[in-house]
Amino acid sequence: YALKGLLRGLGRPAFGHALFRLLQALAETGLVIPPPLEEGARLLDAHYIPARYPDAYPEGSPYEYYTLSRAKEALQAARSILGWVEEVWHGLEGP
């Protein structure tokens, strides 16, 4: 919700769940999106369906496909995005 909140705070509509697309919408406002954030968003987008739906994989359960290192990588990507949103939000000039 952080990316959507930032978009809405900038007066823009925010739809969907694809983090990479939400970052693209933020780039259209003139914000510079750091490339590592784009990569993190792509990484998290790739986890969205398999982590949410038990039949996303042809066999087994989603938890069988995840490792501690994959989880840590996803968590770091999420933290980076949240930190960037907070930094941008606090850097905006008020009315």
PDB file of N, CA and C in Angstrom:
ATOM      1  N   TYR A   1       0.809  -1.199   0.000  1.00  0.00           N
ATOM      2  CA  TYR A   1       0.000   0.000   0.000  1.00  0.00           C
ATOM      3  C   TYR A   1       0.856   1.268   0.000  1.00  0.00           C
ATOM      4  N   ALA A   2       2.124   1.156   0.282  1.00  0.00           N
ATOM      5  CA  ALA A   2       2.975   2.342   0.355  1.00  0.00           C
ATOM      6  C   ALA A   2       3.067   3.046  -0.996  1.00  0.00           C
ATOM      7  N   LEU A   3       3.279   2.284  -2.058  1.00  0.00           N
ATOM      8  CA  LEU A   3       3.379   2.898  -3.384  1.00  0.00           C
ATOM      9  C   LEU A   3       2.053   3.518  -3.795  1.00  0.00           C
ATOM     10  N   LYS A   4       0.960   2.826  -3.500  1.00  0.00           N
ATOM     11  CA  LYS A   4      -0.358   3.380  -3.813  1.00  0.00           C
ATOM     12  C   LYS A   4      -0.613   4.646  -3.007  1.00  0.00           C
ATOM     13  N   GLY A   5      -0.230   4.638  -1.747  1.00  0.00           N
ATOM     14  CA  GLY A   5      -0.413   5.819  -0.909  1.00  0.00           C
ATOM     15  C   GLY A   5       0.369   7.007  -1.433  1.00  0.00           C
ATOM     16  N   LEU A   6       1.595   6.761  -1.878  1.00  0.00           N
ATOM     17  CA  LEU A   6       2.405   7.842  -2.433  1.00  0.00           C
ATOM     18  C   LEU A   6       1.765   8.383  -3.708  1.00  0.00           C
ATOM     19  N   LEU A   7       1.316   7.496  -4.567  1.00  0.00           N
ATOM     20  CA  LEU A   7       0.641   7.945  -5.792  1.00  0.00           C
ATOM     21  C   LEU A   7      -0.582   8.794  -5.463  1.00  0.00           C
ATOM     22  N   ARG A   8      -1.398   8.312  -4.553  1.00  0.00           N
ATOM     23  CA  ARG A   8      -2.605   9.059  -4.190  1.00  0.00           C
ATOM     24  C   ARG A   8      -2.253  10.381  -3.528  1.00  0.00           C
ATOM     25  N   GLY A   9      -1.194  10.375  -2.729  1.00  0.00           N
ATOM     26  CA  GLY A   9      -0.739  11.611  -2.104  1.00  0.00           C
ATOM     27  C   GLY A   9      -0.268  12.636  -3.118  1.00  0.00           C
ATOM     28  N   LEU A  10       0.173  12.148  -4.262  1.00  0.00           N
ATOM     29  CA  LEU A  10       0.601  13.030  -5.351  1.00  0.00           C
ATOM     30  C   LEU A  10      -0.556  13.375  -6.286  1.00  0.00           C
ATOM     31  N   GLY A  11      -1.760  12.938  -5.909  1.00  0.00           N
ATOM     32  CA  GLY A  11      -2.940  13.259  -6.703  1.00  0.00           C
ATOM     33  C   GLY A  11      -3.147  12.370  -7.911  1.00  0.00           C
ATOM     34  N   ARG A  12      -2.515  11.227  -7.920  1.00  0.00           N
ATOM     35  CA  ARG A  12      -2.628  10.302  -9.049  1.00  0.00           C
ATOM     36  C   ARG A  12      -3.446   9.079  -8.655  1.00  0.00           C
ATOM     37  N   PRO A  13      -4.123   8.465  -9.619  1.00  0.00           N
ATOM     38  CA  PRO A  13      -4.834   7.221  -9.316  1.00  0.00           C
ATOM     39  C   PRO A  13      -3.829   6.088  -9.087  1.00  0.00           C
ATOM     40  N   ALA A  14      -4.231   5.128  -8.306  1.00  0.00           N
ATOM     41  CA  ALA A  14      -3.361   3.988  -8.012  1.00  0.00           C
ATOM     42  C   ALA A  14      -4.192   2.713  -8.070  1.00  0.00           C
ATOM     43  N   PHE A  15      -3.952   1.923  -9.103  1.00  0.00           N
ATOM     44  CA  PHE A  15      -4.717   0.695  -9.293  1.00  0.00           C
ATOM     45  C   PHE A  15      -3.783  -0.488  -9.481  1.00  0.00           C
ATOM     46  N   GLY A  16      -4.249  -1.646  -9.110  1.00  0.00           N
ATOM     47  CA  GLY A  16      -3.515  -2.878  -9.356  1.00  0.00           C
ATOM     48  C   GLY A  16      -2.595  -3.261  -8.218  1.00  0.00           C
ATOM     49  N   HIS A  17      -1.939  -4.393  -8.424  1.00  0.00           N
ATOM     50  CA  HIS A  17      -1.050  -4.944  -7.401  1.00  0.00           C
ATOM     51  C   HIS A  17       0.388  -5.087  -7.884  1.00  0.00           C
ATOM     52  N   ALA A  18       0.648  -4.797  -9.137  1.00  0.00           N
ATOM     53  CA  ALA A  18       1.995  -4.947  -9.688  1.00  0.00           C
ATOM     54  C   ALA A  18       2.861  -3.778  -9.224  1.00  0.00           C
ATOM     55  N   LEU A  19       3.805  -4.083  -8.353  1.00  0.00           N
ATOM     56  CA  LEU A  19       4.660  -3.033  -7.795  1.00  0.00           C
ATOM     57  C   LEU A  19       5.477  -2.331  -8.872  1.00  0.00           C
ATOM     58  N   PHE A  20       5.962  -3.097  -9.843  1.00  0.00           N
ATOM     59  CA  PHE A  20       6.748  -2.484 -10.911  1.00  0.00           C
ATOM     60  C   PHE A  20       5.915  -1.462 -11.678  1.00  0.00           C
ATOM     61  N   ARG A  21       4.666  -1.782 -11.948  1.00  0.00           N
ATOM     62  CA  ARG A  21       3.780  -0.845 -12.658  1.00  0.00           C
ATOM     63  C   ARG A  21       3.487   0.385 -11.796  1.00  0.00           C
ATOM     64  N   LEU A  22       3.341   0.194 -10.512  1.00  0.00           N
ATOM     65  CA  LEU A  22       3.118   1.340  -9.625  1.00  0.00           C
ATOM     66  C   LEU A  22       4.350   2.248  -9.609  1.00  0.00           C
ATOM     67  N   LEU A  23       5.541   1.652  -9.632  1.00  0.00           N
ATOM     68  CA  LEU A  23       6.762   2.463  -9.715  1.00  0.00           C
ATOM     69  C   LEU A  23       6.820   3.223 -11.039  1.00  0.00           C
ATOM     70  N   GLN A  24       6.390   2.587 -12.113  1.00  0.00           N
ATOM     71  CA  GLN A  24       6.357   3.278 -13.408  1.00  0.00           C
ATOM     72  C   GLN A  24       5.411   4.475 -13.351  1.00  0.00           C
ATOM     73  N   ALA A  25       4.282   4.305 -12.688  1.00  0.00           N
ATOM     74  CA  ALA A  25       3.339   5.422 -12.547  1.00  0.00           C
ATOM     75  C   ALA A  25       3.967   6.545 -11.731  1.00  0.00           C
ATOM     76  N   LEU A  26       4.750   6.199 -10.729  1.00  0.00           N
ATOM     77  CA  LEU A  26       5.440   7.225  -9.942  1.00  0.00           C
ATOM     78  C   LEU A  26       6.504   7.922 -10.783  1.00  0.00           C
ATOM     79  N   ALA A  27       7.168   7.188 -11.653  1.00  0.00           N
ATOM     80  CA  ALA A  27       8.171   7.795 -12.534  1.00  0.00           C
ATOM     81  C   ALA A  27       7.523   8.812 -13.460  1.00  0.00           C
ATOM     82  N   GLU A  28       6.278   8.563 -13.842  1.00  0.00           N
ATOM     83  CA  GLU A  28       5.558   9.504 -14.709  1.00  0.00           C
ATOM     84  C   GLU A  28       5.265  10.824 -14.001  1.00  0.00           C
ATOM     85  N   THR A  29       5.378  10.861 -12.680  1.00  0.00           N
ATOM     86  CA  THR A  29       5.184  12.111 -11.938  1.00  0.00           C
ATOM     87  C   THR A  29       6.466  12.930 -11.897  1.00  0.00           C
ATOM     88  N   GLY A  30       7.553  12.354 -12.399  1.00  0.00           N
ATOM     89  CA  GLY A  30       8.829  13.052 -12.379  1.00  0.00           C
ATOM     90  C   GLY A  30       9.792  12.522 -11.332  1.00  0.00           C
ATOM     91  N   LEU A  31       9.342  11.592 -10.504  1.00  0.00           N
ATOM     92  CA  LEU A  31      10.239  11.005  -9.512  1.00  0.00           C
ATOM     93  C   LEU A  31      11.254  10.103 -10.204  1.00  0.00           C
ATOM     94  N   VAL A  32      12.458  10.104  -9.691  1.00  0.00           N
ATOM     95  CA  VAL A  32      13.500   9.228 -10.215  1.00  0.00           C
ATOM     96  C   VAL A  32      13.470   7.938  -9.403  1.00  0.00           C
ATOM     97  N   ILE A  33      13.250   6.840 -10.083  1.00  0.00           N
ATOM     98  CA  ILE A  33      13.170   5.541  -9.425  1.00  0.00           C
ATOM     99  C   ILE A  33      14.542   4.876  -9.511  1.00  0.00           C
ATOM    100  N   PRO A  34      15.177   4.609  -8.383  1.00  0.00           N
ATOM    101  CA  PRO A  34      16.479   3.940  -8.420  1.00  0.00           C
ATOM    102  C   PRO A  34      16.353   2.543  -9.049  1.00  0.00           C
ATOM    103  N   PRO A  35      17.266   2.182  -9.944  1.00  0.00           N
ATOM    104  CA  PRO A  35      17.197   0.860 -10.583  1.00  0.00           C
ATOM    105  C   PRO A  35      17.086  -0.316  -9.602  1.00  0.00           C
ATOM    106  N   PRO A  36      17.794  -0.294  -8.458  1.00  0.00           N
ATOM    107  CA  PRO A  36      17.621  -1.423  -7.526  1.00  0.00           C
ATOM    108  C   PRO A  36      16.183  -1.561  -7.012  1.00  0.00           C
ATOM    109  N   LEU A  37      15.465  -0.441  -6.927  1.00  0.00           N
ATOM    110  CA  LEU A  37      14.065  -0.502  -6.508  1.00  0.00           C
ATOM    111  C   LEU A  37      13.216  -1.177  -7.576  1.00  0.00           C
ATOM    112  N   GLU A  38      13.508  -0.877  -8.828  1.00  0.00           N
ATOM    113  CA  GLU A  38      12.782  -1.531  -9.919  1.00  0.00           C
ATOM    114  C   GLU A  38      13.013  -3.035  -9.888  1.00  0.00           C
ATOM    115  N   GLU A  39      14.249  -3.435  -9.658  1.00  0.00           N
ATOM    116  CA  GLU A  39      14.559  -4.869  -9.587  1.00  0.00           C
ATOM    117  C   GLU A  39      13.854  -5.515  -8.400  1.00  0.00           C
ATOM    118  N   GLY A  40      13.830  -4.824  -7.277  1.00  0.00           N
ATOM    119  CA  GLY A  40      13.133  -5.341  -6.105  1.00  0.00           C
ATOM    120  C   GLY A  40      11.647  -5.487  -6.349  1.00  0.00           C
ATOM    121  N   ALA A  41      11.069  -4.536  -7.053  1.00  0.00           N
ATOM    122  CA  ALA A  41       9.641  -4.601  -7.367  1.00  0.00           C
ATOM    123  C   ALA A  41       9.354  -5.784  -8.286  1.00  0.00           C
ATOM    124  N   ARG A  42      10.215  -6.003  -9.251  1.00  0.00           N
ATOM    125  CA  ARG A  42      10.040  -7.164 -10.141  1.00  0.00           C
ATOM    126  C   ARG A  42      10.126  -8.472  -9.352  1.00  0.00           C
ATOM    127  N   LEU A  43      11.082  -8.521  -8.440  1.00  0.00           N
ATOM    128  CA  LEU A  43      11.246  -9.710  -7.602  1.00  0.00           C
ATOM    129  C   LEU A  43       9.980  -9.973  -6.789  1.00  0.00           C
ATOM    130  N   LEU A  44       9.470  -8.946  -6.145  1.00  0.00           N
ATOM    131  CA  LEU A  44       8.268  -9.108  -5.327  1.00  0.00           C
ATOM    132  C   LEU A  44       7.050  -9.437  -6.180  1.00  0.00           C
ATOM    133  N   ASP A  45       6.943  -8.846  -7.350  1.00  0.00           N
ATOM    134  CA  ASP A  45       5.831  -9.165  -8.247  1.00  0.00           C
ATOM    135  C   ASP A  45       5.839 -10.649  -8.620  1.00  0.00           C
ATOM    136  N   ALA A  46       7.023 -11.211  -8.802  1.00  0.00           N
ATOM    137  CA  ALA A  46       7.128 -12.625  -9.162  1.00  0.00           C
ATOM    138  C   ALA A  46       6.659 -13.538  -8.030  1.00  0.00           C
ATOM    139  N   HIS A  47       6.663 -13.046  -6.815  1.00  0.00           N
ATOM    140  CA  HIS A  47       6.222 -13.829  -5.654  1.00  0.00           C
ATOM    141  C   HIS A  47       4.727 -13.698  -5.394  1.00  0.00           C
ATOM    142  N   TYR A  48       4.078 -12.741  -6.006  1.00  0.00           N
ATOM    143  CA  TYR A  48       2.698 -12.418  -5.643  1.00  0.00           C
ATOM    144  C   TYR A  48       1.740 -13.598  -5.790  1.00  0.00           C
ATOM    145  N   ILE A  49       1.641 -14.164  -6.958  1.00  0.00           N
ATOM    146  CA  ILE A  49       0.679 -15.248  -7.203  1.00  0.00           C
ATOM    147  C   ILE A  49       1.077 -16.538  -6.475  1.00  0.00           C
ATOM    148  N   PRO A  50       2.320 -17.016  -6.630  1.00  0.00           N
ATOM    149  CA  PRO A  50       2.669 -18.286  -5.985  1.00  0.00           C
ATOM    150  C   PRO A  50       2.538 -18.269  -4.459  1.00  0.00           C
ATOM    151  N   ALA A  51       2.821 -17.153  -3.852  1.00  0.00           N
ATOM    152  CA  ALA A  51       2.739 -17.091  -2.392  1.00  0.00           C
ATOM    153  C   ALA A  51       1.299 -16.984  -1.909  1.00  0.00           C
ATOM    154  N   ARG A  52       0.425 -16.577  -2.769  1.00  0.00           N
ATOM    155  CA  ARG A  52      -0.957 -16.322  -2.367  1.00  0.00           C
ATOM    156  C   ARG A  52      -1.911 -17.478  -2.680  1.00  0.00           C
ATOM    157  N   TYR A  53      -1.631 -18.198  -3.741  1.00  0.00           N
ATOM    158  CA  TYR A  53      -2.557 -19.237  -4.192  1.00  0.00           C
ATOM    159  C   TYR A  53      -1.916 -20.620  -4.096  1.00  0.00           C
ATOM    160  N   PRO A  54      -2.549 -21.540  -3.383  1.00  0.00           N
ATOM    161  CA  PRO A  54      -1.952 -22.862  -3.161  1.00  0.00           C
ATOM    162  C   PRO A  54      -1.812 -23.710  -4.420  1.00  0.00           C
ATOM    163  N   ASP A  55      -2.533 -23.382  -5.469  1.00  0.00           N
ATOM    164  CA  ASP A  55      -2.432 -24.173  -6.697  1.00  0.00           C
ATOM    165  C   ASP A  55      -1.597 -23.481  -7.781  1.00  0.00           C
ATOM    166  N   ALA A  56      -0.765 -22.540  -7.379  1.00  0.00           N
ATOM    167  CA  ALA A  56       0.046 -21.801  -8.353  1.00  0.00           C
ATOM    168  C   ALA A  56       1.139 -22.673  -8.971  1.00  0.00           C
ATOM    169  N   TYR A  57       1.596 -23.662  -8.227  1.00  0.00           N
ATOM    170  CA  TYR A  57       2.625 -24.567  -8.739  1.00  0.00           C
ATOM    171  C   TYR A  57       1.972 -25.862  -9.207  1.00  0.00           C
ATOM    172  N   PRO A  58       2.564 -26.535 -10.195  1.00  0.00           N
ATOM    173  CA  PRO A  58       1.954 -27.757 -10.713  1.00  0.00           C
ATOM    174  C   PRO A  58       1.843 -28.869  -9.664  1.00  0.00           C
ATOM    175  N   GLU A  59       2.765 -28.890  -8.727  1.00  0.00           N
ATOM    176  CA  GLU A  59       2.745 -29.897  -7.667  1.00  0.00           C
ATOM    177  C   GLU A  59       3.226 -29.277  -6.368  1.00  0.00           C
ATOM    178  N   GLY A  60       2.775 -29.813  -5.272  1.00  0.00           N
ATOM    179  CA  GLY A  60       3.243 -29.371  -3.966  1.00  0.00           C
ATOM    180  C   GLY A  60       2.595 -28.078  -3.513  1.00  0.00           C
ATOM    181  N   SER A  61       3.057 -27.618  -2.374  1.00  0.00           N
ATOM    182  CA  SER A  61       2.557 -26.384  -1.775  1.00  0.00           C
ATOM    183  C   SER A  61       3.570 -25.268  -1.966  1.00  0.00           C
ATOM    184  N   PRO A  62       3.111 -24.012  -1.977  1.00  0.00           N
ATOM    185  CA  PRO A  62       4.044 -22.898  -2.170  1.00  0.00           C
ATOM    186  C   PRO A  62       5.216 -22.897  -1.184  1.00  0.00           C
ATOM    187  N   TYR A  63       4.962 -23.283   0.073  1.00  0.00           N
ATOM    188  CA  TYR A  63       6.053 -23.233   1.052  1.00  0.00           C
ATOM    189  C   TYR A  63       7.208 -24.161   0.671  1.00  0.00           C
ATOM    190  N   GLU A  64       6.936 -25.183  -0.124  1.00  0.00           N
ATOM    191  CA  GLU A  64       7.985 -26.110  -0.529  1.00  0.00           C
ATOM    192  C   GLU A  64       8.945 -25.486  -1.546  1.00  0.00           C
ATOM    193  N   TYR A  65       8.550 -24.400  -2.148  1.00  0.00           N
ATOM    194  CA  TYR A  65       9.361 -23.753  -3.174  1.00  0.00           C
ATOM    195  C   TYR A  65      10.164 -22.571  -2.635  1.00  0.00           C
ATOM    196  N   TYR A  66       9.946 -22.244  -1.380  1.00  0.00           N
ATOM    197  CA  TYR A  66      10.632 -21.095  -0.799  1.00  0.00           C
ATOM    198  C   TYR A  66      11.749 -21.540   0.118  1.00  0.00           C
ATOM    199  N   THR A  67      12.804 -20.746   0.112  1.00  0.00           N
ATOM    200  CA  THR A  67      13.936 -20.996   0.999  1.00  0.00           C
ATOM    201  C   THR A  67      14.134 -19.765   1.866  1.00  0.00           C
ATOM    202  N   LEU A  68      14.928 -19.917   2.885  1.00  0.00           N
ATOM    203  CA  LEU A  68      15.218 -18.787   3.758  1.00  0.00           C
ATOM    204  C   LEU A  68      15.889 -17.658   2.978  1.00  0.00           C
ATOM    205  N   SER A  69      16.791 -17.998   2.078  1.00  0.00           N
ATOM    206  CA  SER A  69      17.485 -16.948   1.318  1.00  0.00           C
ATOM    207  C   SER A  69      16.524 -16.204   0.391  1.00  0.00           C
ATOM    208  N   ARG A  70      15.578 -16.912  -0.223  1.00  0.00           N
ATOM    209  CA  ARG A  70      14.582 -16.241  -1.075  1.00  0.00           C
ATOM    210  C   ARG A  70      13.695 -15.330  -0.243  1.00  0.00           C
ATOM    211  N   ALA A  71      13.333 -15.796   0.929  1.00  0.00           N
ATOM    212  CA  ALA A  71      12.492 -14.983   1.808  1.00  0.00           C
ATOM    213  C   ALA A  71      13.236 -13.728   2.253  1.00  0.00           C
ATOM    214  N   LYS A  72      14.502 -13.871   2.597  1.00  0.00           N
ATOM    215  CA  LYS A  72      15.299 -12.713   3.023  1.00  0.00           C
ATOM    216  C   LYS A  72      15.468 -11.714   1.884  1.00  0.00           C
ATOM    217  N   GLU A  73      15.666 -12.220   0.686  1.00  0.00           N
ATOM    218  CA  GLU A  73      15.809 -11.352  -0.484  1.00  0.00           C
ATOM    219  C   GLU A  73      14.524 -10.551  -0.720  1.00  0.00           C
ATOM    220  N   ALA A  74      13.388 -11.223  -0.611  1.00  0.00           N
ATOM    221  CA  ALA A  74      12.102 -10.545  -0.797  1.00  0.00           C
ATOM    222  C   ALA A  74      11.864  -9.530   0.312  1.00  0.00           C
ATOM    223  N   LEU A  75      12.195  -9.886   1.535  1.00  0.00           N
ATOM    224  CA  LEU A  75      12.014  -8.971   2.660  1.00  0.00           C
ATOM    225  C   LEU A  75      12.883  -7.727   2.497  1.00  0.00           C
ATOM    226  N   GLN A  76      14.110  -7.900   2.045  1.00  0.00           N
ATOM    227  CA  GLN A  76      14.990  -6.753   1.822  1.00  0.00           C
ATOM    228  C   GLN A  76      14.443  -5.848   0.721  1.00  0.00           C
ATOM    229  N   ALA A  77      13.909  -6.444  -0.328  1.00  0.00           N
ATOM    230  CA  ALA A  77      13.320  -5.649  -1.414  1.00  0.00           C
ATOM    231  C   ALA A  77      12.141  -4.839  -0.894  1.00  0.00           C
ATOM    232  N   ALA A  78      11.304  -5.463  -0.082  1.00  0.00           N
ATOM    233  CA  ALA A  78      10.147  -4.763   0.481  1.00  0.00           C
ATOM    234  C   ALA A  78      10.589  -3.622   1.391  1.00  0.00           C
ATOM    235  N   ARG A  79      11.581  -3.878   2.217  1.00  0.00           N
ATOM    236  CA  ARG A  79      12.084  -2.822   3.115  1.00  0.00           C
ATOM    237  C   ARG A  79      12.669  -1.656   2.326  1.00  0.00           C
ATOM    238  N   SER A  80      13.359  -1.960   1.248  1.00  0.00           N
ATOM    239  CA  SER A  80      13.946  -0.899   0.419  1.00  0.00           C
ATOM    240  C   SER A  80      12.862  -0.024  -0.192  1.00  0.00           C
ATOM    241  N   ILE A  81      11.810  -0.647  -0.685  1.00  0.00           N
ATOM    242  CA  ILE A  81      10.711   0.115  -1.278  1.00  0.00           C
ATOM    243  C   ILE A  81      10.034   0.976  -0.221  1.00  0.00           C
ATOM    244  N   LEU A  82       9.760   0.401   0.937  1.00  0.00           N
ATOM    245  CA  LEU A  82       9.128   1.171   2.018  1.00  0.00           C
ATOM    246  C   LEU A  82      10.001   2.344   2.451  1.00  0.00           C
ATOM    247  N   GLY A  83      11.299   2.110   2.576  1.00  0.00           N
ATOM    248  CA  GLY A  83      12.213   3.180   2.966  1.00  0.00           C
ATOM    249  C   GLY A  83      12.252   4.297   1.943  1.00  0.00           C
ATOM    250  N   TRP A  84      12.255   3.931   0.675  1.00  0.00           N
ATOM    251  CA  TRP A  84      12.270   4.934  -0.394  1.00  0.00           C
ATOM    252  C   TRP A  84      10.992   5.758  -0.373  1.00  0.00           C
ATOM    253  N   VAL A  85       9.843   5.098  -0.214  1.00  0.00           N
ATOM    254  CA  VAL A  85       8.568   5.817  -0.167  1.00  0.00           C
ATOM    255  C   VAL A  85       8.576   6.810   0.992  1.00  0.00           C
ATOM    256  N   GLU A  86       9.037   6.372   2.144  1.00  0.00           N
ATOM    257  CA  GLU A  86       9.083   7.264   3.304  1.00  0.00           C
ATOM    258  C   GLU A  86      10.001   8.459   3.037  1.00  0.00           C
ATOM    259  N   GLU A  87      11.146   8.195   2.446  1.00  0.00           N
ATOM    260  CA  GLU A  87      12.098   9.264   2.124  1.00  0.00           C
ATOM    261  C   GLU A  87      11.487  10.271   1.147  1.00  0.00           C
ATOM    262  N   VAL A  88      10.838   9.773   0.108  1.00  0.00           N
ATOM    263  CA  VAL A  88      10.210  10.654  -0.880  1.00  0.00           C
ATOM    264  C   VAL A  88       9.097  11.456  -0.229  1.00  0.00           C
ATOM    265  N   TRP A  89       8.261  10.794   0.554  1.00  0.00           N
ATOM    266  CA  TRP A  89       7.122  11.469   1.180  1.00  0.00           C
ATOM    267  C   TRP A  89       7.588  12.610   2.082  1.00  0.00           C
ATOM    268  N   HIS A  90       8.610  12.342   2.887  1.00  0.00           N
ATOM    269  CA  HIS A  90       9.109  13.383   3.792  1.00  0.00           C
ATOM    270  C   HIS A  90       9.841  14.496   3.047  1.00  0.00           C
ATOM    271  N   GLY A  91      10.281  14.209   1.829  1.00  0.00           N
ATOM    272  CA  GLY A  91      10.974  15.216   1.036  1.00  0.00           C
ATOM    273  C   GLY A  91      10.056  16.110   0.218  1.00  0.00           C
ATOM    274  N   LEU A  92       8.780  15.776   0.188  1.00  0.00           N
ATOM    275  CA  LEU A  92       7.835  16.596  -0.576  1.00  0.00           C
ATOM    276  C   LEU A  92       7.562  17.903   0.148  1.00  0.00           C
ATOM    277  N   GLU A  93       7.404  18.946  -0.626  1.00  0.00           N
ATOM    278  CA  GLU A  93       7.066  20.244  -0.046  1.00  0.00           C
ATOM    279  C   GLU A  93       5.575  20.306   0.212  1.00  0.00           C
ATOM    280  N   GLY A  94       5.205  20.846   1.344  1.00  0.00           N
ATOM    281  CA  GLY A  94       3.786  21.009   1.674  1.00  0.00           C
ATOM    282  C   GLY A  94       3.176  22.180   0.923  1.00  0.00           C
ATOM    283  N   PRO A  95       1.840  22.326   1.045  1.00  0.00           N
ATOM    284  CA  PRO A  95       1.160  23.425   0.328  1.00  0.00           C
ATOM    285  C   PRO A  95       1.548  24.795   0.826  1.00  0.00           C
TER     286      PRO A  95
END
